[in-house]
Protein backbone atom coordinates (compact mmCIF):
# COMPACT_ATOMS: atom_id res chain seq x y z
CA MET A 1 0.13 -0.04 0.07
CA ILE A 2 2.70 2.31 0.82
CA THR A 3 4.58 1.67 -2.14
CA ASN A 4 1.71 2.37 -4.22
CA ILE A 5 0.70 5.69 -2.68
CA ALA A 6 4.39 6.67 -3.43
CA HIS A 7 4.50 5.70 -6.66
CA LYS A 8 1.06 7.58 -7.35
CA TYR A 9 2.70 10.95 -5.29
CA LEU A 10 5.77 10.32 -8.19
CA ASP A 11 3.13 10.07 -11.05
CA PHE A 12 1.44 13.12 -10.07
CA LYS A 13 4.57 15.36 -9.72
CA TYR A 14 5.49 13.76 -13.14
CA LYS A 15 2.38 15.16 -14.64
CA GLU A 16 3.99 18.80 -13.77
CA VAL A 17 7.04 17.48 -15.64
CA ALA A 18 5.02 16.44 -18.63
CA GLY A 19 3.27 19.55 -18.41
CA PHE A 20 6.32 21.74 -19.42
CA ILE A 21 8.26 19.46 -21.77
CA ASN A 22 4.89 19.24 -23.93
CA LYS A 23 4.89 23.24 -23.70
CA PRO A 24 8.22 24.71 -23.63
CA ILE A 25 8.33 27.84 -25.19
CA TYR A 26 4.63 28.68 -23.83
CA THR A 27 6.49 27.87 -20.14
CA GLN A 28 9.58 29.90 -20.36
CA GLU A 29 7.29 32.97 -21.62
CA LYS A 30 5.06 32.60 -18.31
CA ILE A 31 7.88 32.24 -16.15
CA LEU A 32 9.34 35.79 -17.77
CA SER A 33 6.09 37.31 -17.26
CA TYR A 34 5.75 35.92 -13.55
CA LEU A 35 9.52 37.31 -12.92
CA LEU A 36 8.88 41.02 -14.23
CA ARG A 37 5.42 41.23 -12.38
CA ASN A 38 7.36 40.66 -8.96
CA GLY A 39 10.62 42.64 -10.08
CA ALA A 40 8.82 45.88 -11.31
CA GLN A 41 8.67 47.46 -8.02
CA THR A 42 12.07 46.55 -6.81
CA LEU A 43 14.99 48.64 -7.40
CA ILE A 44 16.60 46.94 -10.21
CA GLY A 45 12.91 46.89 -11.91
CA GLN A 46 12.45 50.67 -11.39
CA GLN A 47 15.74 51.48 -12.84
CA TYR A 48 15.16 49.36 -16.05
CA ASN A 49 11.51 49.85 -16.14
CA PHE A 50 10.27 46.06 -15.95
CA SER A 51 6.80 47.51 -15.83
CA SER A 52 6.98 48.66 -19.46
CA ILE A 53 8.91 45.12 -20.78
CA LYS A 54 6.64 43.34 -23.18
CA ASN A 55 8.27 40.38 -24.38
CA LYS A 56 11.28 38.69 -24.51
CA ASP A 57 13.26 41.05 -27.37
CA ASP A 58 12.52 44.24 -25.17
CA PHE A 59 13.88 42.28 -22.20
CA ARG A 60 17.17 41.43 -24.12
CA LYS A 61 17.29 45.19 -25.16
CA ARG A 62 16.10 46.94 -21.80
CA VAL A 63 18.46 44.91 -19.44
CA PRO A 64 22.14 44.21 -19.32
CA VAL A 65 23.55 40.94 -18.97
CA PHE A 66 25.09 40.66 -15.34
CA HIS A 67 28.08 39.27 -14.14
CA TYR A 68 28.78 38.77 -10.14
CA GLU A 69 30.77 41.87 -9.94
CA ASP A 70 28.01 44.00 -11.52
CA LEU A 71 25.73 42.64 -9.26
CA ARG A 72 27.55 43.22 -5.52
CA PRO A 73 26.52 46.94 -5.20
CA TYR A 74 23.06 45.62 -5.34
CA LEU A 75 23.63 42.61 -2.94
CA ASP A 76 25.88 45.34 -0.85
CA LYS A 77 22.53 47.12 -0.13
CA ILE A 78 20.90 44.15 1.17
CA LEU A 79 23.86 42.62 3.20
CA ILE A 80 25.12 46.06 4.16
CA ASP A 81 22.42 48.79 3.93
CA LYS A 82 19.95 46.11 5.06
CA GLN A 83 17.38 47.55 2.01
CA GLN A 84 14.76 45.14 0.67
CA SER A 85 12.96 45.07 -2.67
CA VAL A 86 16.36 45.76 -4.24
CA LEU A 87 16.33 42.51 -6.45
CA TRP A 88 13.42 40.71 -5.40
CA ASN A 89 9.68 42.00 -4.08
CA LYS A 90 9.98 39.88 -1.15
CA PRO A 91 12.52 39.80 2.10
CA ILE A 92 15.80 37.90 1.25
CA LYS A 93 17.17 36.36 4.07
CA TRP A 94 19.65 33.71 2.75
CA PHE A 95 22.50 33.86 0.88
CA ALA A 96 24.42 31.03 -0.78
CA MET A 97 28.25 31.30 -0.28
CA SER A 98 29.88 30.17 -3.47
CA SER A 99 33.36 29.97 -5.20
CA GLY A 100 35.02 33.51 -5.01
CA THR A 101 35.94 36.26 -7.48
CA THR A 102 39.42 37.51 -7.43
CA GLU A 103 37.96 40.31 -5.32
CA ASP A 104 36.12 38.19 -2.57
CA LYS A 105 36.75 34.84 -0.98
CA SER A 106 33.15 34.00 -1.51
CA LYS A 107 30.33 35.14 -3.93
CA TYR A 108 26.96 35.93 -2.13
CA ILE A 109 23.79 34.39 -4.08
CA PRO A 110 20.45 35.69 -3.04
CA VAL A 111 18.23 32.91 -1.78
CA THR A 112 14.33 33.63 -1.56
CA GLN A 113 11.54 31.64 -0.29
CA GLU A 114 9.86 31.50 -3.60
CA SER A 115 13.52 30.08 -5.22
CA LEU A 116 13.64 27.53 -2.38
CA THR A 117 9.59 26.44 -2.71
CA LYS A 118 9.16 26.91 -6.27
CA GLY A 119 12.68 25.51 -7.58
CA HIS A 120 14.98 23.89 -5.65
CA TYR A 121 12.29 21.75 -3.56
CA LYS A 122 9.80 21.49 -6.43
CA CYS A 123 12.72 20.21 -9.00
CA GLY A 124 13.80 17.73 -5.86
CA GLU A 125 10.51 16.44 -6.22
CA GLN A 126 10.31 16.24 -10.06
CA MET A 127 13.70 14.45 -9.56
CA LEU A 128 12.47 11.85 -7.73
CA ALA A 129 9.33 11.46 -10.22
CA ILE A 130 11.50 11.23 -13.09
CA TYR A 131 13.48 8.56 -11.30
CA GLY A 132 10.17 6.83 -10.39
CA GLN A 133 9.33 6.86 -14.18
CA ALA A 134 12.57 5.14 -15.43
CA ASN A 135 12.43 2.77 -12.48
CA HIS A 136 8.88 1.48 -11.29
CA LYS A 137 10.57 -0.98 -8.93
CA ALA A 138 11.82 1.90 -6.78
CA ARG A 139 11.87 1.53 -3.21
CA PHE A 140 14.51 4.17 -2.24
CA PHE A 141 11.74 5.94 -0.05
CA PHE A 142 11.30 2.93 2.57
CA GLY A 143 15.15 3.50 3.97
CA LYS A 144 17.13 6.37 4.51
CA THR A 145 18.98 8.89 1.92
CA LEU A 146 22.59 9.48 2.72
CA VAL A 147 23.39 13.09 1.83
CA LEU A 148 26.94 14.45 1.63
CA GLY A 149 26.35 18.26 1.66
CA GLY A 150 28.38 21.42 2.62
CA SER A 151 30.53 21.63 5.76
CA LYS A 152 29.76 25.29 6.25
CA GLN A 153 27.93 26.57 9.33
CA ILE A 154 24.87 28.83 8.73
CA ASN A 155 26.14 32.35 9.70
CA ASN A 156 23.54 35.15 11.12
CA ILE A 157 24.94 38.26 9.72
CA GLY A 158 22.54 40.45 11.46
CA ASP A 159 18.93 41.45 10.75
CA GLY A 160 17.54 38.12 10.27
CA ILE A 161 20.08 37.78 7.37
CA PHE A 162 21.63 34.08 7.06
CA THR A 163 24.49 32.59 4.88
CA GLY A 164 25.89 29.46 4.13
CA ASP A 165 26.38 26.93 1.37
CA ILE A 166 23.65 25.80 -0.63
CA SER A 167 23.37 22.55 0.49
CA ALA A 168 23.48 23.96 3.98
CA ILE A 169 20.71 26.55 3.20
CA LEU A 170 18.48 23.53 1.60
CA ILE A 171 19.06 20.82 4.76
CA LYS A 172 18.26 24.22 6.75
CA ASN A 173 14.72 24.82 5.52
CA LEU A 174 13.74 21.39 4.14
CA TYR A 175 10.38 20.41 4.92
CA PHE A 176 9.91 18.75 8.07
CA TRP A 177 8.90 15.21 6.69
CA ALA A 178 11.56 15.15 3.99
CA LYS A 179 14.15 15.35 7.18
CA ARG A 180 13.23 12.27 8.69
CA SER A 181 14.45 10.35 5.57
CA ARG A 182 17.48 11.82 5.55
CA THR A 183 21.00 12.20 7.31
CA PRO A 184 20.31 14.32 10.61
CA GLU A 185 20.81 18.10 10.33
CA SER A 186 22.96 17.91 13.85
CA ILE A 187 25.18 15.79 11.61
CA SER A 188 24.62 17.21 7.79
CA LEU A 189 25.72 20.89 9.18
CA LEU A 190 28.90 19.93 11.15
CA PRO A 191 31.85 22.65 10.24
CA ASP A 192 34.61 20.34 10.85
CA TRP A 193 35.05 18.24 7.46
CA GLU A 194 36.89 15.39 9.14
CA VAL A 195 34.63 15.51 12.21
CA LYS A 196 31.58 15.00 9.92
CA LEU A 197 33.13 12.20 8.09
CA GLN A 198 33.47 10.11 11.18
CA ALA A 199 29.77 11.10 12.38
CA LEU A 200 28.24 10.21 8.72
CA ALA A 201 30.01 6.98 9.16
CA ASP A 202 28.72 6.17 12.29
CA TYR A 203 25.19 6.83 11.40
CA ALA A 204 25.39 5.65 7.85
CA VAL A 205 26.28 2.30 9.35
CA LYS A 206 23.60 1.65 11.76
CA ASN A 207 20.77 2.54 9.30
CA ASP A 208 19.11 1.30 6.02
CA VAL A 209 20.60 3.59 3.42
CA ARG A 210 18.83 3.03 0.41
CA ALA A 211 20.16 5.87 -1.78
CA PHE A 212 23.18 8.50 -1.64
CA MET A 213 23.13 12.37 -2.84
CA GLY A 214 26.14 14.46 -3.07
CA VAL A 215 29.26 15.28 -5.02
CA PRO A 216 31.02 12.26 -6.33
CA SER A 217 34.19 13.04 -5.30
CA TRP A 218 33.75 13.66 -1.66
CA LEU A 219 30.82 10.86 -1.34
CA LEU A 220 33.70 8.42 -2.45
CA VAL A 221 35.94 9.12 0.45
CA LEU A 222 33.16 8.55 2.71
CA LEU A 223 32.31 5.12 1.28
CA LYS A 224 36.00 4.35 1.24
CA LYS A 225 35.95 4.95 4.79
CA ILE A 226 33.47 3.01 6.09
CA LYS A 227 34.48 -0.02 3.91
CA ALA A 228 38.00 0.35 5.44
CA ASP A 229 36.85 0.82 8.96
CA THR A 230 34.35 -2.12 9.04
CA GLY A 231 35.92 -4.38 6.81
CA ARG A 232 32.74 -5.32 4.98
CA GLU A 233 31.32 -5.06 1.51
CA LEU A 234 29.06 -1.90 0.96
CA THR A 235 26.51 -4.30 -0.38
CA ASP A 236 26.42 -6.27 2.39
CA ILE A 237 26.27 -2.97 5.28
CA TRP A 238 23.14 -1.78 2.77
CA PRO A 239 21.56 -4.60 0.72
CA ASN A 240 18.70 -2.42 -0.42
CA LEU A 241 21.00 0.66 -1.87
CA GLU A 242 19.61 1.70 -4.87
CA VAL A 243 20.69 4.79 -6.24
CA PHE A 244 23.08 7.66 -6.21
CA PHE A 245 21.68 11.21 -6.98
CA HIS A 246 25.01 13.05 -7.90
CA GLY A 247 26.03 16.37 -9.15
CA GLY A 248 28.47 19.19 -8.70
CA VAL A 249 31.47 17.56 -10.71
CA SER A 250 31.46 15.05 -13.56
CA PHE A 251 30.93 11.51 -13.07
CA THR A 252 33.00 10.36 -15.76
CA PRO A 253 36.19 10.34 -13.74
CA PHE A 254 34.58 8.28 -10.65
CA GLU A 255 32.21 5.90 -12.57
CA GLU A 256 34.76 3.13 -12.44
CA GLN A 257 35.61 3.39 -8.84
CA TYR A 258 31.67 3.65 -7.68
CA LYS A 259 31.27 0.12 -9.95
CA LYS A 260 34.32 -1.43 -8.02
CA ILE A 261 33.38 -0.13 -4.57
CA ILE A 262 29.76 -0.89 -4.95
CA GLN A 263 29.58 -4.16 -6.65
CA LYS A 264 25.83 -4.15 -7.79
CA PRO A 265 24.96 -4.43 -11.46
CA GLU A 266 21.29 -2.75 -10.70
CA MET A 267 22.90 0.19 -8.74
CA ARG A 268 21.45 3.52 -10.48
CA TYR A 269 23.54 6.67 -10.88
CA TRP A 270 21.35 9.55 -11.55
CA GLU A 271 22.89 12.85 -12.56
CA THR A 272 21.51 16.43 -11.34
CA TYR A 273 22.66 20.27 -11.84
CA ASN A 274 21.83 22.14 -8.69
CA ALA A 275 23.63 25.02 -8.15
CA SER A 276 23.77 27.62 -5.78
CA GLU A 277 21.85 30.01 -8.32
CA GLY A 278 19.05 27.20 -9.09
CA PHE A 279 18.09 23.88 -10.11
CA PHE A 280 18.69 23.27 -13.84
CA GLY A 281 18.44 19.95 -14.79
CA VAL A 282 18.09 15.94 -14.03
CA GLN A 283 18.70 13.06 -16.14
CA PHE A 284 15.86 11.81 -18.38
CA SER A 285 16.45 8.16 -18.79
CA ASP A 286 18.22 5.14 -17.65
CA LYS A 287 19.96 4.79 -21.02
CA SER A 288 21.55 8.48 -21.36
CA LYS A 289 23.18 10.94 -18.98
CA ASP A 290 21.56 13.40 -21.22
CA MET A 291 19.47 16.12 -18.46
CA LEU A 292 16.08 17.45 -19.05
CA LEU A 293 16.33 21.52 -18.62
CA MET A 294 13.79 22.14 -15.88
CA LEU A 295 11.56 24.70 -17.51
CA ASP A 296 8.99 25.63 -14.66
CA SER A 297 10.96 26.56 -11.84
CA GLY A 298 11.19 30.09 -11.45
CA ILE A 299 14.22 30.47 -14.11
CA TYR A 300 13.98 31.90 -17.54
CA TYR A 301 17.00 30.93 -19.88
CA GLU A 302 18.88 32.23 -22.20
CA PHE A 303 21.97 31.13 -24.27
CA VAL A 304 25.22 32.79 -25.06
CA PRO A 305 26.66 31.46 -28.13
CA MET A 306 30.70 30.48 -27.66
CA SER A 307 31.49 33.27 -30.15
CA GLU A 308 30.01 35.99 -27.67
CA TRP A 309 31.44 34.79 -24.51
CA ASN A 310 33.70 37.58 -24.35
CA SER A 311 31.45 40.04 -25.45
CA GLU A 312 30.56 42.97 -23.11
CA ASN A 313 26.75 42.90 -23.60
CA PRO A 314 26.86 39.29 -25.36
CA LYS A 315 24.07 38.66 -27.92
CA THR A 316 21.93 35.63 -26.72
CA GLN A 317 19.45 33.12 -27.82
CA THR A 318 16.24 32.03 -26.24
CA LEU A 319 14.85 28.41 -25.91
CA ASP A 320 13.13 28.61 -29.43
CA GLU A 321 16.38 29.71 -31.35
CA VAL A 322 19.01 27.27 -29.88
CA GLU A 323 20.21 24.48 -31.69
CA THR A 324 21.65 20.81 -30.94
CA GLY A 325 25.75 20.53 -31.14
CA GLN A 326 26.55 23.81 -30.08
CA ASN A 327 27.92 25.62 -26.91
CA TYR A 328 26.42 27.83 -24.97
CA ALA A 329 26.66 29.79 -21.92
CA LEU A 330 24.07 29.85 -19.59
CA LEU A 331 22.12 33.12 -18.78
CA ILE A 332 19.30 33.14 -16.24
CA SER A 333 16.71 35.40 -14.68
CA THR A 334 15.02 33.60 -11.26
CA ASN A 335 13.21 34.01 -8.44
CA GLY A 336 16.05 34.45 -6.37
CA GLY A 337 16.84 38.01 -7.77
CA LEU A 338 19.00 37.25 -10.34
CA TRP A 339 18.95 39.14 -13.83
CA ARG A 340 20.36 37.91 -16.91
CA TYR A 341 22.90 36.68 -15.08
CA MET A 342 26.04 35.02 -16.35
CA ILE A 343 26.54 32.15 -13.96
CA GLY A 344 29.64 30.61 -16.23
CA ASP A 345 28.47 26.99 -16.69
CA THR A 346 28.61 26.04 -20.70
CA ILE A 347 26.00 23.44 -22.07
CA GLU A 348 25.34 21.85 -24.99
CA PHE A 349 21.71 20.36 -26.67
CA THR A 350 21.51 17.06 -27.55
CA SER A 351 17.80 17.70 -28.42
CA THR A 352 15.40 20.11 -28.22
CA SER A 353 12.20 17.58 -28.08
CA PRO A 354 12.34 17.57 -25.56
CA TYR A 355 15.15 19.86 -24.17
CA LEU A 356 17.86 17.70 -22.84
CA PHE A 357 21.33 18.77 -22.53
CA ARG A 358 24.87 17.96 -21.19
CA ILE A 359 27.23 20.38 -18.96
CA THR A 360 30.46 20.97 -21.28
CA GLY A 361 32.61 23.09 -18.70
CA ARG A 362 32.93 26.69 -17.53
CA THR A 363 33.51 29.84 -20.00
CA LYS A 364 36.60 30.34 -17.61
CA ASN A 365 37.52 26.94 -17.42
CA PHE A 366 39.25 25.96 -20.16
CA ILE A 367 42.52 25.80 -22.05
CA ASN A 368 42.92 28.32 -25.41
CA ALA A 369 46.52 29.56 -24.91
CA PHE A 370 47.41 28.54 -28.24
CA GLY A 371 44.14 28.61 -30.15
CA GLU A 372 43.31 24.81 -28.94
CA GLU A 373 39.84 25.72 -27.08
CA ILE A 374 40.25 22.43 -24.88
CA ILE A 375 37.04 22.45 -22.83
CA ILE A 376 35.91 20.28 -19.79
CA ASP A 377 34.04 17.67 -21.83
CA ASN A 378 37.24 17.33 -24.30
CA ALA A 379 39.41 16.53 -21.19
CA GLU A 380 36.98 14.02 -19.49
CA ARG A 381 36.44 12.04 -22.65
CA ALA A 382 39.59 12.02 -23.32
CA LEU A 383 40.95 11.07 -19.93
CA SER A 384 38.02 8.12 -19.77
CA GLU A 385 39.16 6.79 -22.82
CA ALA A 386 42.88 7.17 -21.50
CA CYS A 387 41.94 5.19 -18.62
CA LYS A 388 40.55 2.49 -20.58
CA ASP A 389 43.49 1.86 -22.46
CA THR A 390 45.78 1.89 -19.63
CA GLY A 391 43.61 0.28 -16.70
CA ALA A 392 43.72 3.54 -14.66
CA GLN A 393 41.37 5.43 -12.44
CA ILE A 394 41.57 8.86 -11.47
CA THR A 395 40.65 10.58 -8.11
CA GLU A 396 41.59 14.20 -9.27
CA TYR A 397 43.24 16.05 -11.88
CA THR A 398 43.99 19.65 -12.73
CA ALA A 399 45.57 20.93 -16.04
CA ALA A 400 47.27 24.19 -17.43
CA PRO A 401 49.24 25.51 -20.25
CA VAL A 402 52.81 25.47 -20.56
CA TYR A 403 54.22 28.70 -22.29
CA PHE A 404 56.60 28.66 -25.01
CA GLY A 405 60.39 28.73 -23.89
CA ASP A 406 63.85 29.31 -25.62
CA GLU A 407 63.87 25.30 -25.81
CA ASN A 408 60.47 24.48 -25.89
CA THR A 409 57.11 24.50 -27.57
CA GLY A 410 53.55 25.11 -26.08
CA ALA A 411 52.10 22.19 -23.95
CA HIS A 412 49.69 21.30 -21.75
CA GLU A 413 50.53 20.13 -18.20
CA TRP A 414 48.43 17.49 -16.34
CA PHE A 415 48.45 16.77 -12.54
CA ILE A 416 46.64 13.96 -11.89
CA GLU A 417 46.21 11.84 -8.73
CA PHE A 418 45.32 7.97 -9.77
CA SER A 419 43.64 5.87 -7.18
CA VAL A 420 45.19 2.93 -9.58
CA GLU A 421 47.90 3.89 -11.81
CA PRO A 422 47.93 3.30 -15.45
CA ASP A 423 50.30 0.25 -16.49
CA ASP A 424 52.11 2.29 -18.69
CA LEU A 425 52.06 6.23 -18.18
CA ASP A 426 53.78 6.90 -21.50
CA LYS A 427 50.70 4.83 -22.99
CA PHE A 428 48.33 7.00 -21.07
CA VAL A 429 50.04 9.96 -22.14
CA LYS A 430 49.68 8.58 -26.02
CA SER A 431 46.28 8.05 -25.43
CA LEU A 432 45.35 11.13 -24.12
CA ASP A 433 46.57 12.96 -26.51
CA ASP A 434 45.05 11.23 -29.23
CA ASN A 435 41.44 11.32 -28.00
CA LEU A 436 41.89 15.13 -27.21
CA LYS A 437 42.98 14.92 -31.16
CA ARG A 438 40.03 13.01 -31.70
CA VAL A 439 37.63 14.96 -29.91
CA ASN A 440 38.71 18.50 -30.66
CA SER A 441 39.85 19.62 -34.15
CA ASP A 442 41.47 22.75 -32.81
CA TYR A 443 44.02 20.91 -30.19
CA GLU A 444 44.33 18.34 -33.58
CA ALA A 445 45.65 21.40 -35.63
CA LYS A 446 47.75 22.89 -32.88
CA ARG A 447 49.47 19.45 -32.48
CA SER A 448 50.25 18.69 -36.24
CA TYR A 449 54.16 18.61 -36.26
CA ASN A 450 54.33 19.46 -32.48
CA LEU A 451 55.04 22.94 -33.78
CA SER A 452 53.00 25.20 -31.68
CA LEU A 453 51.93 22.47 -29.17
CA GLY A 454 53.78 19.43 -27.60
CA LEU A 455 52.84 16.22 -26.34
CA PRO A 456 50.66 16.81 -22.55
CA ILE A 457 53.35 16.45 -19.73
CA VAL A 458 51.50 14.45 -17.12
CA LYS A 459 52.93 14.12 -13.55
CA SER A 460 51.15 11.77 -11.20
CA LEU A 461 50.52 12.64 -7.72
CA PRO A 462 50.91 10.98 -4.52
CA LYS A 463 47.38 9.91 -3.41
CA GLY A 464 45.72 12.43 -0.94
CA THR A 465 47.27 15.36 -2.42
CA PHE A 466 44.54 17.51 -3.50
CA ASN A 467 42.78 16.73 -0.20
CA GLU A 468 46.24 17.89 2.06
CA TRP A 469 46.42 20.73 -0.46
CA LEU A 470 42.39 21.59 0.13
CA LYS A 471 43.05 21.15 3.78
CA SER A 472 45.94 23.79 4.01
CA ILE A 473 43.91 26.30 2.04
CA GLY A 474 40.32 25.64 4.02
CA LYS A 475 38.35 24.31 1.59
CA LEU A 476 38.17 20.42 2.37
CA GLY A 477 34.97 18.88 1.81
CA GLY A 478 31.31 19.79 0.99
CA GLN A 479 30.97 21.57 -2.48
CA ASN A 480 34.26 22.22 -2.75
CA LYS A 481 35.95 21.47 -6.50
CA VAL A 482 39.55 20.98 -7.71
CA PRO A 483 39.56 23.37 -10.99
CA ARG A 484 39.97 21.16 -13.82
CA LEU A 485 41.49 23.40 -16.56
CA SER A 486 43.00 26.75 -16.34
CA ASN A 487 43.76 29.16 -19.02
CA ASN A 488 46.68 30.15 -16.66
CA ARG A 489 49.09 28.57 -14.12
CA ASP A 490 48.29 30.42 -11.03
CA TYR A 491 46.43 27.35 -9.42
CA ILE A 492 48.96 24.60 -11.10
CA ASP A 493 52.11 26.38 -9.86
CA ARG A 494 50.45 27.03 -6.07
CA LEU A 495 49.73 23.23 -5.81
CA ARG A 496 53.43 22.78 -7.48
CA LEU A 497 54.73 25.00 -4.68
CA PHE A 498 52.55 23.14 -1.73
CA ILE A 499 53.71 19.93 -2.99
CA GLU A 500 57.45 20.92 -2.62
CA GLN A 501 57.51 22.54 0.56
CA THR A 502 55.86 19.05 2.13
CA ARG A 503 58.12 16.70 0.20
């Protein structure tokens, strides 16, 4: 009976999904009208005269594209001057702390009650509904969901305004009935990563865990600890384990490691795209990792073609104008108070009926020192094939350019931490190079005759190096991520210095 009730509820929530799949353009037009109506009486709405905007073309012409630095003066009015109705017509009491800019250690992303209930939580329910449609035998709701979120506490900065990372904010505001099936808040919000890791392990082994939720890299650390501490197989500890809802970083480098540590062929790995700024996508079927764009969650989307990424006020495309096979940067307007905001992530549509996509990287997370235009998607695919060719498994990696010198051409330097070393590092390098050529014609052209770009330089790091480095700079655990690709050597040179100093 409980199973029937649960599945009827998931079927009901799936009707919402079917609604925006069937009417995607109409849904987005409704979202834009809703946003403009609520934003008209705000400071930013009056500044750009939202009340006179009649359609998407007016919106594109009237309102400029905002980067975080452009948004900061408005945020200061809320955070410092304690004003309201600046970005949204309801009080903004929460700010998600995200990766910082060159000026600030953290970015403060506004989070409203509407963006929580009509966005993050609504999409979370729709995620379960989509999963339920693909797996009619789903039983995860009978057990616990082990949630590995951020390690930052909720901080009150005065006048009822709070900050924390998005996972902590979601946990703090979660519906009471949903909290009962998840990791207790007293554990989830522990600030010390290592203390939290032990508390999670102690809790998990005593409960019927049926689902995981979190970032693949950090959950893997926890699972390895549990297996080492107990000396037991994870499927013996949790015989009903069913699914891992994951996001934050690409799952590709971790897939083989998960299949090895969770020896259960029917285990499902479900991709999600949930960020501080909003919940954007959910894997749509068992057959592909392509994600469905969530069109009815209080977010209006625009898409910036790659040719416009460096423009001060780029030309954008709306949903009805996008094409498959093209790289776009995401531009969003949300009921969290973000307006035509460039979040920095890039996607590629694989279908426009329905609108399915995959994440390809970041506008600032690429290597293009020699015109090769390597994006994260290229790197992940090439590394995956190199691992298959050499029996290797990767825990973490980062890469940056090596510039021309008196005695060398340019190259890409890769710092890689292997959980399983390649059987032949030279073979790994050649496979990486060959596969980068295969997936990126610009890279292939620059590699011709080694004239401007030489073979990749791969350095295998001792296990645990990246974690120790993150710990040394106060970014261990939670949603902190290792930058995969950099177009300069700032990060990789700091990491190199850390390695030399700790030898």
